[in-house]
Amino acid sequence: MSDLEERFKQAVHKVNNAPEDGDFKPSNEYKLKMYALYRQATDGDVSGKKPGMLNPIARYKWQAWHDVKGMDREEAMSEYVAEVDKVEAQYG
């Protein structure tokens, strides 16, 4: 496992185990950005049809992931790690 993959794995663990009542309250846009970077890093480009208007949450997630289409895996992991590091530096 490369250094970047290990740092990505640790960043994902931090996000998944962050306290819900912590100081950092991410916006929906920020959550979508992180979701998209995670999916691009783990699954590659988005596939399938865009969900319909009756499922707005799935539609927003699909669109966020689609917006990073073409980004390579390493770049997505690197951006994800950088975002987690930024939040950690600001909020501890």
PDB file of N, CA and C in Angstrom:
ATOM      1  N   MET A   1       0.845  -1.174   0.000  1.00  0.00           N
ATOM      2  CA  MET A   1       0.000   0.000   0.000  1.00  0.00           C
ATOM      3  C   MET A   1       0.895   1.243   0.000  1.00  0.00           C
ATOM      4  N   SER A   2       0.596   2.163  -0.894  1.00  0.00           N
ATOM      5  CA  SER A   2       1.407   3.374  -0.985  1.00  0.00           C
ATOM      6  C   SER A   2       1.135   4.298   0.201  1.00  0.00           C
ATOM      7  N   ASP A   3       2.020   5.272   0.363  1.00  0.00           N
ATOM      8  CA  ASP A   3       1.864   6.257   1.433  1.00  0.00           C
ATOM      9  C   ASP A   3       0.548   7.022   1.268  1.00  0.00           C
ATOM     10  N   LEU A   4       0.225   7.394   0.023  1.00  0.00           N
ATOM     11  CA  LEU A   4      -1.017   8.124  -0.236  1.00  0.00           C
ATOM     12  C   LEU A   4      -2.230   7.276   0.112  1.00  0.00           C
ATOM     13  N   GLU A   5      -2.211   6.017  -0.254  1.00  0.00           N
ATOM     14  CA  GLU A   5      -3.333   5.123   0.064  1.00  0.00           C
ATOM     15  C   GLU A   5      -3.503   4.985   1.574  1.00  0.00           C
ATOM     16  N   GLU A   6      -2.403   4.904   2.290  1.00  0.00           N
ATOM     17  CA  GLU A   6      -2.470   4.797   3.749  1.00  0.00           C
ATOM     18  C   GLU A   6      -3.029   6.084   4.358  1.00  0.00           C
ATOM     19  N   ARG A   7      -2.562   7.235   3.879  1.00  0.00           N
ATOM     20  CA  ARG A   7      -3.073   8.507   4.387  1.00  0.00           C
ATOM     21  C   ARG A   7      -4.560   8.667   4.064  1.00  0.00           C
ATOM     22  N   PHE A   8      -4.972   8.210   2.871  1.00  0.00           N
ATOM     23  CA  PHE A   8      -6.383   8.252   2.479  1.00  0.00           C
ATOM     24  C   PHE A   8      -7.217   7.380   3.409  1.00  0.00           C
ATOM     25  N   LYS A   9      -6.743   6.182   3.666  1.00  0.00           N
ATOM     26  CA  LYS A   9      -7.438   5.249   4.561  1.00  0.00           C
ATOM     27  C   LYS A   9      -7.598   5.863   5.954  1.00  0.00           C
ATOM     28  N   GLN A  10      -6.551   6.510   6.461  1.00  0.00           N
ATOM     29  CA  GLN A  10      -6.616   7.162   7.773  1.00  0.00           C
ATOM     30  C   GLN A  10      -7.592   8.336   7.756  1.00  0.00           C
ATOM     31  N   ALA A  11      -7.600   9.110   6.666  1.00  0.00           N
ATOM     32  CA  ALA A  11      -8.516  10.243   6.552  1.00  0.00           C
ATOM     33  C   ALA A  11      -9.967   9.768   6.532  1.00  0.00           C
ATOM     34  N   VAL A  12     -10.231   8.697   5.802  1.00  0.00           N
ATOM     35  CA  VAL A  12     -11.588   8.133   5.754  1.00  0.00           C
ATOM     36  C   VAL A  12     -12.007   7.678   7.151  1.00  0.00           C
ATOM     37  N   HIS A  13     -11.087   7.059   7.867  1.00  0.00           N
ATOM     38  CA  HIS A  13     -11.379   6.608   9.232  1.00  0.00           C
ATOM     39  C   HIS A  13     -11.723   7.800  10.131  1.00  0.00           C
ATOM     40  N   LYS A  14     -10.966   8.887   9.992  1.00  0.00           N
ATOM     41  CA  LYS A  14     -11.241  10.084  10.797  1.00  0.00           C
ATOM     42  C   LYS A  14     -12.619  10.647  10.491  1.00  0.00           C
ATOM     43  N   VAL A  15     -12.972  10.693   9.221  1.00  0.00           N
ATOM     44  CA  VAL A  15     -14.286  11.226   8.831  1.00  0.00           C
ATOM     45  C   VAL A  15     -15.398  10.330   9.362  1.00  0.00           C
ATOM     46  N   ASN A  16     -15.224   9.036   9.206  1.00  0.00           N
ATOM     47  CA  ASN A  16     -16.266   8.102   9.656  1.00  0.00           C
ATOM     48  C   ASN A  16     -16.438   8.075  11.167  1.00  0.00           C
ATOM     49  N   ASN A  17     -15.397   8.455  11.896  1.00  0.00           N
ATOM     50  CA  ASN A  17     -15.452   8.397  13.357  1.00  0.00           C
ATOM     51  C   ASN A  17     -15.481   9.772  14.016  1.00  0.00           C
ATOM     52  N   ALA A  18     -15.718  10.814  13.221  1.00  0.00           N
ATOM     53  CA  ALA A  18     -15.790  12.167  13.775  1.00  0.00           C
ATOM     54  C   ALA A  18     -17.050  12.301  14.635  1.00  0.00           C
ATOM     55  N   PRO A  19     -16.945  12.964  15.775  1.00  0.00           N
ATOM     56  CA  PRO A  19     -18.127  13.131  16.626  1.00  0.00           C
ATOM     57  C   PRO A  19     -19.160  14.031  15.956  1.00  0.00           C
ATOM     58  N   GLU A  20     -20.409  13.620  16.021  1.00  0.00           N
ATOM     59  CA  GLU A  20     -21.475  14.410  15.408  1.00  0.00           C
ATOM     60  C   GLU A  20     -21.684  15.738  16.123  1.00  0.00           C
ATOM     61  N   ASP A  21     -21.307  15.799  17.389  1.00  0.00           N
ATOM     62  CA  ASP A  21     -21.502  17.027  18.154  1.00  0.00           C
ATOM     63  C   ASP A  21     -20.212  17.850  18.236  1.00  0.00           C
ATOM     64  N   GLY A  22     -19.274  17.599  17.324  1.00  0.00           N
ATOM     65  CA  GLY A  22     -18.011  18.332  17.311  1.00  0.00           C
ATOM     66  C   GLY A  22     -18.184  19.763  16.827  1.00  0.00           C
ATOM     67  N   ASP A  23     -17.098  20.510  16.845  1.00  0.00           N
ATOM     68  CA  ASP A  23     -17.121  21.917  16.453  1.00  0.00           C
ATOM     69  C   ASP A  23     -17.349  22.122  14.957  1.00  0.00           C
ATOM     70  N   PHE A  24     -16.883  21.197  14.144  1.00  0.00           N
ATOM     71  CA  PHE A  24     -17.012  21.347  12.694  1.00  0.00           C
ATOM     72  C   PHE A  24     -18.387  20.885  12.241  1.00  0.00           C
ATOM     73  N   LYS A  25     -19.116  21.787  11.622  1.00  0.00           N
ATOM     74  CA  LYS A  25     -20.455  21.490  11.089  1.00  0.00           C
ATOM     75  C   LYS A  25     -20.397  21.671   9.569  1.00  0.00           C
ATOM     76  N   PRO A  26     -20.126  20.594   8.834  1.00  0.00           N
ATOM     77  CA  PRO A  26     -19.977  20.729   7.383  1.00  0.00           C
ATOM     78  C   PRO A  26     -21.300  21.058   6.696  1.00  0.00           C
ATOM     79  N   SER A  27     -21.210  21.894   5.672  1.00  0.00           N
ATOM     80  CA  SER A  27     -22.389  22.219   4.870  1.00  0.00           C
ATOM     81  C   SER A  27     -22.731  21.025   3.982  1.00  0.00           C
ATOM     82  N   ASN A  28     -23.914  21.051   3.413  1.00  0.00           N
ATOM     83  CA  ASN A  28     -24.298  19.988   2.488  1.00  0.00           C
ATOM     84  C   ASN A  28     -23.376  19.973   1.273  1.00  0.00           C
ATOM     85  N   GLU A  29     -22.967  21.149   0.821  1.00  0.00           N
ATOM     86  CA  GLU A  29     -22.061  21.227  -0.326  1.00  0.00           C
ATOM     87  C   GLU A  29     -20.719  20.566   0.002  1.00  0.00           C
ATOM     88  N   TYR A  30     -20.238  20.806   1.215  1.00  0.00           N
ATOM     89  CA  TYR A  30     -18.974  20.202   1.627  1.00  0.00           C
ATOM     90  C   TYR A  30     -19.116  18.681   1.712  1.00  0.00           C
ATOM     91  N   LYS A  31     -20.210  18.219   2.265  1.00  0.00           N
ATOM     92  CA  LYS A  31     -20.445  16.774   2.356  1.00  0.00           C
ATOM     93  C   LYS A  31     -20.488  16.151   0.968  1.00  0.00           C
ATOM     94  N   LEU A  32     -21.138  16.829   0.024  1.00  0.00           N
ATOM     95  CA  LEU A  32     -21.200  16.312  -1.345  1.00  0.00           C
ATOM     96  C   LEU A  32     -19.820  16.275  -1.990  1.00  0.00           C
ATOM     97  N   LYS A  33     -19.013  17.290  -1.736  1.00  0.00           N
ATOM     98  CA  LYS A  33     -17.660  17.312  -2.272  1.00  0.00           C
ATOM     99  C   LYS A  33     -16.855  16.128  -1.752  1.00  0.00           C
ATOM    100  N   MET A  34     -16.945  15.894  -0.448  1.00  0.00           N
ATOM    101  CA  MET A  34     -16.206  14.788   0.147  1.00  0.00           C
ATOM    102  C   MET A  34     -16.723  13.443  -0.360  1.00  0.00           C
ATOM    103  N   TYR A  35     -18.035  13.328  -0.504  1.00  0.00           N
ATOM    104  CA  TYR A  35     -18.630  12.105  -1.053  1.00  0.00           C
ATOM    105  C   TYR A  35     -18.079  11.839  -2.456  1.00  0.00           C
ATOM    106  N   ALA A  36     -18.082  12.890  -3.285  1.00  0.00           N
ATOM    107  CA  ALA A  36     -17.625  12.738  -4.665  1.00  0.00           C
ATOM    108  C   ALA A  36     -16.161  12.334  -4.725  1.00  0.00           C
ATOM    109  N   LEU A  37     -15.326  12.979  -3.916  1.00  0.00           N
ATOM    110  CA  LEU A  37     -13.900  12.632  -3.911  1.00  0.00           C
ATOM    111  C   LEU A  37     -13.689  11.198  -3.441  1.00  0.00           C
ATOM    112  N   TYR A  38     -14.438  10.790  -2.420  1.00  0.00           N
ATOM    113  CA  TYR A  38     -14.321   9.421  -1.911  1.00  0.00           C
ATOM    114  C   TYR A  38     -14.712   8.411  -2.995  1.00  0.00           C
ATOM    115  N   ARG A  39     -15.857   8.643  -3.627  1.00  0.00           N
ATOM    116  CA  ARG A  39     -16.325   7.703  -4.655  1.00  0.00           C
ATOM    117  C   ARG A  39     -15.379   7.663  -5.848  1.00  0.00           C
ATOM    118  N   GLN A  40     -14.849   8.825  -6.240  1.00  0.00           N
ATOM    119  CA  GLN A  40     -13.915   8.858  -7.366  1.00  0.00           C
ATOM    120  C   GLN A  40     -12.642   8.099  -7.009  1.00  0.00           C
ATOM    121  N   ALA A  41     -12.183   8.249  -5.775  1.00  0.00           N
ATOM    122  CA  ALA A  41     -10.961   7.567  -5.333  1.00  0.00           C
ATOM    123  C   ALA A  41     -11.168   6.062  -5.207  1.00  0.00           C
ATOM    124  N   THR A  42     -12.354   5.639  -4.805  1.00  0.00           N
ATOM    125  CA  THR A  42     -12.579   4.217  -4.564  1.00  0.00           C
ATOM    126  C   THR A  42     -13.219   3.480  -5.739  1.00  0.00           C
ATOM    127  N   ASP A  43     -14.067   4.178  -6.514  1.00  0.00           N
ATOM    128  CA  ASP A  43     -14.823   3.513  -7.577  1.00  0.00           C
ATOM    129  C   ASP A  43     -14.538   4.024  -8.982  1.00  0.00           C
ATOM    130  N   GLY A  44     -13.822   5.129  -9.103  1.00  0.00           N
ATOM    131  CA  GLY A  44     -13.569   5.696 -10.424  1.00  0.00           C
ATOM    132  C   GLY A  44     -14.746   6.533 -10.900  1.00  0.00           C
ATOM    133  N   ASP A  45     -14.822   6.715 -12.214  1.00  0.00           N
ATOM    134  CA  ASP A  45     -15.861   7.573 -12.776  1.00  0.00           C
ATOM    135  C   ASP A  45     -17.267   7.045 -12.502  1.00  0.00           C
ATOM    136  N   VAL A  46     -18.177   7.991 -12.334  1.00  0.00           N
ATOM    137  CA  VAL A  46     -19.581   7.669 -12.102  1.00  0.00           C
ATOM    138  C   VAL A  46     -20.127   6.892 -13.298  1.00  0.00           C
ATOM    139  N   SER A  47     -21.045   5.990 -13.018  1.00  0.00           N
ATOM    140  CA  SER A  47     -21.673   5.233 -14.093  1.00  0.00           C
ATOM    141  C   SER A  47     -23.175   5.191 -13.836  1.00  0.00           C
ATOM    142  N   GLY A  48     -23.901   4.792 -14.824  1.00  0.00           N
ATOM    143  CA  GLY A  48     -25.340   4.696 -14.686  1.00  0.00           C
ATOM    144  C   GLY A  48     -26.023   6.024 -14.979  1.00  0.00           C
ATOM    145  N   LYS A  49     -27.332   5.954 -15.026  1.00  0.00           N
ATOM    146  CA  LYS A  49     -28.131   7.138 -15.326  1.00  0.00           C
ATOM    147  C   LYS A  49     -28.276   8.018 -14.097  1.00  0.00           C
ATOM    148  N   LYS A  50     -28.460   9.290 -14.339  1.00  0.00           N
ATOM    149  CA  LYS A  50     -28.712  10.247 -13.266  1.00  0.00           C
ATOM    150  C   LYS A  50     -30.070   9.917 -12.654  1.00  0.00           C
ATOM    151  N   PRO A  51     -30.128   9.803 -11.311  1.00  0.00           N
ATOM    152  CA  PRO A  51     -31.405   9.493 -10.666  1.00  0.00           C
ATOM    153  C   PRO A  51     -32.462  10.553 -10.974  1.00  0.00           C
ATOM    154  N   GLY A  52     -33.695  10.142 -10.911  1.00  0.00           N
ATOM    155  CA  GLY A  52     -34.803  11.032 -11.228  1.00  0.00           C
ATOM    156  C   GLY A  52     -35.050  12.093 -10.172  1.00  0.00           C
ATOM    157  N   MET A  53     -35.902  13.022 -10.502  1.00  0.00           N
ATOM    158  CA  MET A  53     -36.198  14.156  -9.628  1.00  0.00           C
ATOM    159  C   MET A  53     -36.924  13.750  -8.349  1.00  0.00           C
ATOM    160  N   LEU A  54     -37.497  12.566  -8.327  1.00  0.00           N
ATOM    161  CA  LEU A  54     -38.207  12.107  -7.132  1.00  0.00           C
ATOM    162  C   LEU A  54     -37.257  11.579  -6.067  1.00  0.00           C
ATOM    163  N   ASN A  55     -35.987  11.497  -6.407  1.00  0.00           N
ATOM    164  CA  ASN A  55     -34.970  11.053  -5.451  1.00  0.00           C
ATOM    165  C   ASN A  55     -33.864  12.110  -5.397  1.00  0.00           C
ATOM    166  N   PRO A  56     -34.145  13.266  -4.770  1.00  0.00           N
ATOM    167  CA  PRO A  56     -33.193  14.377  -4.824  1.00  0.00           C
ATOM    168  C   PRO A  56     -31.846  14.093  -4.168  1.00  0.00           C
ATOM    169  N   ILE A  57     -31.802  13.333  -3.099  1.00  0.00           N
ATOM    170  CA  ILE A  57     -30.528  13.057  -2.432  1.00  0.00           C
ATOM    171  C   ILE A  57     -29.614  12.255  -3.351  1.00  0.00           C
ATOM    172  N   ALA A  58     -30.144  11.191  -3.948  1.00  0.00           N
ATOM    173  CA  ALA A  58     -29.350  10.387  -4.883  1.00  0.00           C
ATOM    174  C   ALA A  58     -28.935  11.223  -6.084  1.00  0.00           C
ATOM    175  N   ARG A  59     -29.812  12.108  -6.516  1.00  0.00           N
ATOM    176  CA  ARG A  59     -29.523  12.970  -7.664  1.00  0.00           C
ATOM    177  C   ARG A  59     -28.358  13.922  -7.357  1.00  0.00           C
ATOM    178  N   TYR A  60     -28.383  14.558  -6.173  1.00  0.00           N
ATOM    179  CA  TYR A  60     -27.294  15.449  -5.787  1.00  0.00           C
ATOM    180  C   TYR A  60     -25.977  14.699  -5.651  1.00  0.00           C
ATOM    181  N   LYS A  61     -26.025  13.512  -5.063  1.00  0.00           N
ATOM    182  CA  LYS A  61     -24.808  12.715  -4.917  1.00  0.00           C
ATOM    183  C   LYS A  61     -24.248  12.331  -6.283  1.00  0.00           C
ATOM    184  N   TRP A  62     -25.129  11.878  -7.171  1.00  0.00           N
ATOM    185  CA  TRP A  62     -24.698  11.485  -8.514  1.00  0.00           C
ATOM    186  C   TRP A  62     -24.059  12.672  -9.222  1.00  0.00           C
ATOM    187  N   GLN A  63     -24.692  13.846  -9.113  1.00  0.00           N
ATOM    188  CA  GLN A  63     -24.179  15.033  -9.798  1.00  0.00           C
ATOM    189  C   GLN A  63     -22.822  15.450  -9.246  1.00  0.00           C
ATOM    190  N   ALA A  64     -22.664  15.406  -7.930  1.00  0.00           N
ATOM    191  CA  ALA A  64     -21.379  15.762  -7.315  1.00  0.00           C
ATOM    192  C   ALA A  64     -20.283  14.817  -7.802  1.00  0.00           C
ATOM    193  N   TRP A  65     -20.593  13.539  -7.863  1.00  0.00           N
ATOM    194  CA  TRP A  65     -19.626  12.550  -8.334  1.00  0.00           C
ATOM    195  C   TRP A  65     -19.337  12.779  -9.823  1.00  0.00           C
ATOM    196  N   HIS A  66     -20.369  13.071 -10.585  1.00  0.00           N
ATOM    197  CA  HIS A  66     -20.206  13.331 -12.016  1.00  0.00           C
ATOM    198  C   HIS A  66     -19.309  14.550 -12.255  1.00  0.00           C
ATOM    199  N   ASP A  67     -19.382  15.531 -11.366  1.00  0.00           N
ATOM    200  CA  ASP A  67     -18.588  16.756 -11.508  1.00  0.00           C
ATOM    201  C   ASP A  67     -17.079  16.508 -11.393  1.00  0.00           C
ATOM    202  N   VAL A  68     -16.670  15.394 -10.798  1.00  0.00           N
ATOM    203  CA  VAL A  68     -15.239  15.068 -10.709  1.00  0.00           C
ATOM    204  C   VAL A  68     -14.857  13.940 -11.672  1.00  0.00           C
ATOM    205  N   LYS A  69     -15.746  13.641 -12.589  1.00  0.00           N
ATOM    206  CA  LYS A  69     -15.495  12.596 -13.584  1.00  0.00           C
ATOM    207  C   LYS A  69     -14.203  12.903 -14.332  1.00  0.00           C
ATOM    208  N   GLY A  70     -13.374  11.902 -14.510  1.00  0.00           N
ATOM    209  CA  GLY A  70     -12.107  12.067 -15.213  1.00  0.00           C
ATOM    210  C   GLY A  70     -10.926  12.325 -14.291  1.00  0.00           C
ATOM    211  N   MET A  71     -11.207  12.702 -13.038  1.00  0.00           N
ATOM    212  CA  MET A  71     -10.125  12.910 -12.076  1.00  0.00           C
ATOM    213  C   MET A  71      -9.506  11.544 -11.773  1.00  0.00           C
ATOM    214  N   ASP A  72      -8.178  11.465 -11.779  1.00  0.00           N
ATOM    215  CA  ASP A  72      -7.588  10.163 -11.507  1.00  0.00           C
ATOM    216  C   ASP A  72      -7.653   9.836 -10.012  1.00  0.00           C
ATOM    217  N   ARG A  73      -7.505   8.572  -9.733  1.00  0.00           N
ATOM    218  CA  ARG A  73      -7.667   8.039  -8.373  1.00  0.00           C
ATOM    219  C   ARG A  73      -6.753   8.738  -7.372  1.00  0.00           C
ATOM    220  N   GLU A  74      -5.489   8.902  -7.747  1.00  0.00           N
ATOM    221  CA  GLU A  74      -4.517   9.504  -6.835  1.00  0.00           C
ATOM    222  C   GLU A  74      -4.860  10.963  -6.530  1.00  0.00           C
ATOM    223  N   GLU A  75      -5.313  11.696  -7.538  1.00  0.00           N
ATOM    224  CA  GLU A  75      -5.690  13.090  -7.327  1.00  0.00           C
ATOM    225  C   GLU A  75      -6.894  13.186  -6.387  1.00  0.00           C
ATOM    226  N   ALA A  76      -7.871  12.307  -6.576  1.00  0.00           N
ATOM    227  CA  ALA A  76      -9.049  12.300  -5.703  1.00  0.00           C
ATOM    228  C   ALA A  76      -8.650  11.974  -4.263  1.00  0.00           C
ATOM    229  N   MET A  77      -7.783  10.986  -4.082  1.00  0.00           N
ATOM    230  CA  MET A  77      -7.321  10.646  -2.732  1.00  0.00           C
ATOM    231  C   MET A  77      -6.568  11.813  -2.119  1.00  0.00           C
ATOM    232  N   SER A  78      -5.709  12.431  -2.901  1.00  0.00           N
ATOM    233  CA  SER A  78      -4.914  13.548  -2.413  1.00  0.00           C
ATOM    234  C   SER A  78      -5.799  14.727  -1.992  1.00  0.00           C
ATOM    235  N   GLU A  79      -6.803  15.056  -2.786  1.00  0.00           N
ATOM    236  CA  GLU A  79      -7.709  16.151  -2.430  1.00  0.00           C
ATOM    237  C   GLU A  79      -8.521  15.813  -1.182  1.00  0.00           C
ATOM    238  N   TYR A  80      -8.951  14.573  -1.066  1.00  0.00           N
ATOM    239  CA  TYR A  80      -9.713  14.142   0.104  1.00  0.00           C
ATOM    240  C   TYR A  80      -8.860  14.308   1.364  1.00  0.00           C
ATOM    241  N   VAL A  81      -7.631  13.827   1.306  1.00  0.00           N
ATOM    242  CA  VAL A  81      -6.713  13.927   2.444  1.00  0.00           C
ATOM    243  C   VAL A  81      -6.453  15.395   2.787  1.00  0.00           C
ATOM    244  N   ALA A  82      -6.256  16.220   1.774  1.00  0.00           N
ATOM    245  CA  ALA A  82      -5.996  17.645   2.003  1.00  0.00           C
ATOM    246  C   ALA A  82      -7.174  18.318   2.697  1.00  0.00           C
ATOM    247  N   GLU A  83      -8.383  17.977   2.316  1.00  0.00           N
ATOM    248  CA  GLU A  83      -9.579  18.556   2.948  1.00  0.00           C
ATOM    249  C   GLU A  83      -9.671  18.138   4.414  1.00  0.00           C
ATOM    250  N   VAL A  84      -9.409  16.877   4.683  1.00  0.00           N
ATOM    251  CA  VAL A  84      -9.447  16.391   6.063  1.00  0.00           C
ATOM    252  C   VAL A  84      -8.360  17.073   6.889  1.00  0.00           C
ATOM    253  N   ASP A  85      -7.167  17.214   6.320  1.00  0.00           N
ATOM    254  CA  ASP A  85      -6.076  17.888   7.022  1.00  0.00           C
ATOM    255  C   ASP A  85      -6.436  19.336   7.331  1.00  0.00           C
ATOM    256  N   LYS A  86      -7.073  20.021   6.370  1.00  0.00           N
ATOM    257  CA  LYS A  86      -7.487  21.416   6.580  1.00  0.00           C
ATOM    258  C   LYS A  86      -8.465  21.541   7.735  1.00  0.00           C
ATOM    259  N   VAL A  87      -9.458  20.667   7.758  1.00  0.00           N
ATOM    260  CA  VAL A  87     -10.467  20.703   8.829  1.00  0.00           C
ATOM    261  C   VAL A  87      -9.820  20.371  10.150  1.00  0.00           C
ATOM    262  N   GLU A  88      -8.955  19.372  10.158  1.00  0.00           N
ATOM    263  CA  GLU A  88      -8.274  18.970  11.379  1.00  0.00           C
ATOM    264  C   GLU A  88      -7.382  20.089  11.928  1.00  0.00           C
ATOM    265  N   ALA A  89      -6.708  20.813  11.045  1.00  0.00           N
ATOM    266  CA  ALA A  89      -5.843  21.916  11.465  1.00  0.00           C
ATOM    267  C   ALA A  89      -6.664  23.056  12.068  1.00  0.00           C
ATOM    268  N   GLN A  90      -7.860  23.265  11.525  1.00  0.00           N
ATOM    269  CA  GLN A  90      -8.690  24.365  12.004  1.00  0.00           C
ATOM    270  C   GLN A  90      -9.488  24.013  13.242  1.00  0.00           C
ATOM    271  N   TYR A  91      -9.980  22.780  13.320  1.00  0.00           N
ATOM    272  CA  TYR A  91     -10.876  22.401  14.419  1.00  0.00           C
ATOM    273  C   TYR A  91     -10.269  21.399  15.397  1.00  0.00           C
ATOM    274  N   GLY A  92      -9.115  20.870  15.069  1.00  0.00           N
ATOM    275  CA  GLY A  92      -8.453  19.939  15.955  1.00  0.00           C
ATOM    276  C   GLY A  92      -8.987  18.613  15.913  1.00  0.00           C
TER     277      GLY A  92
END
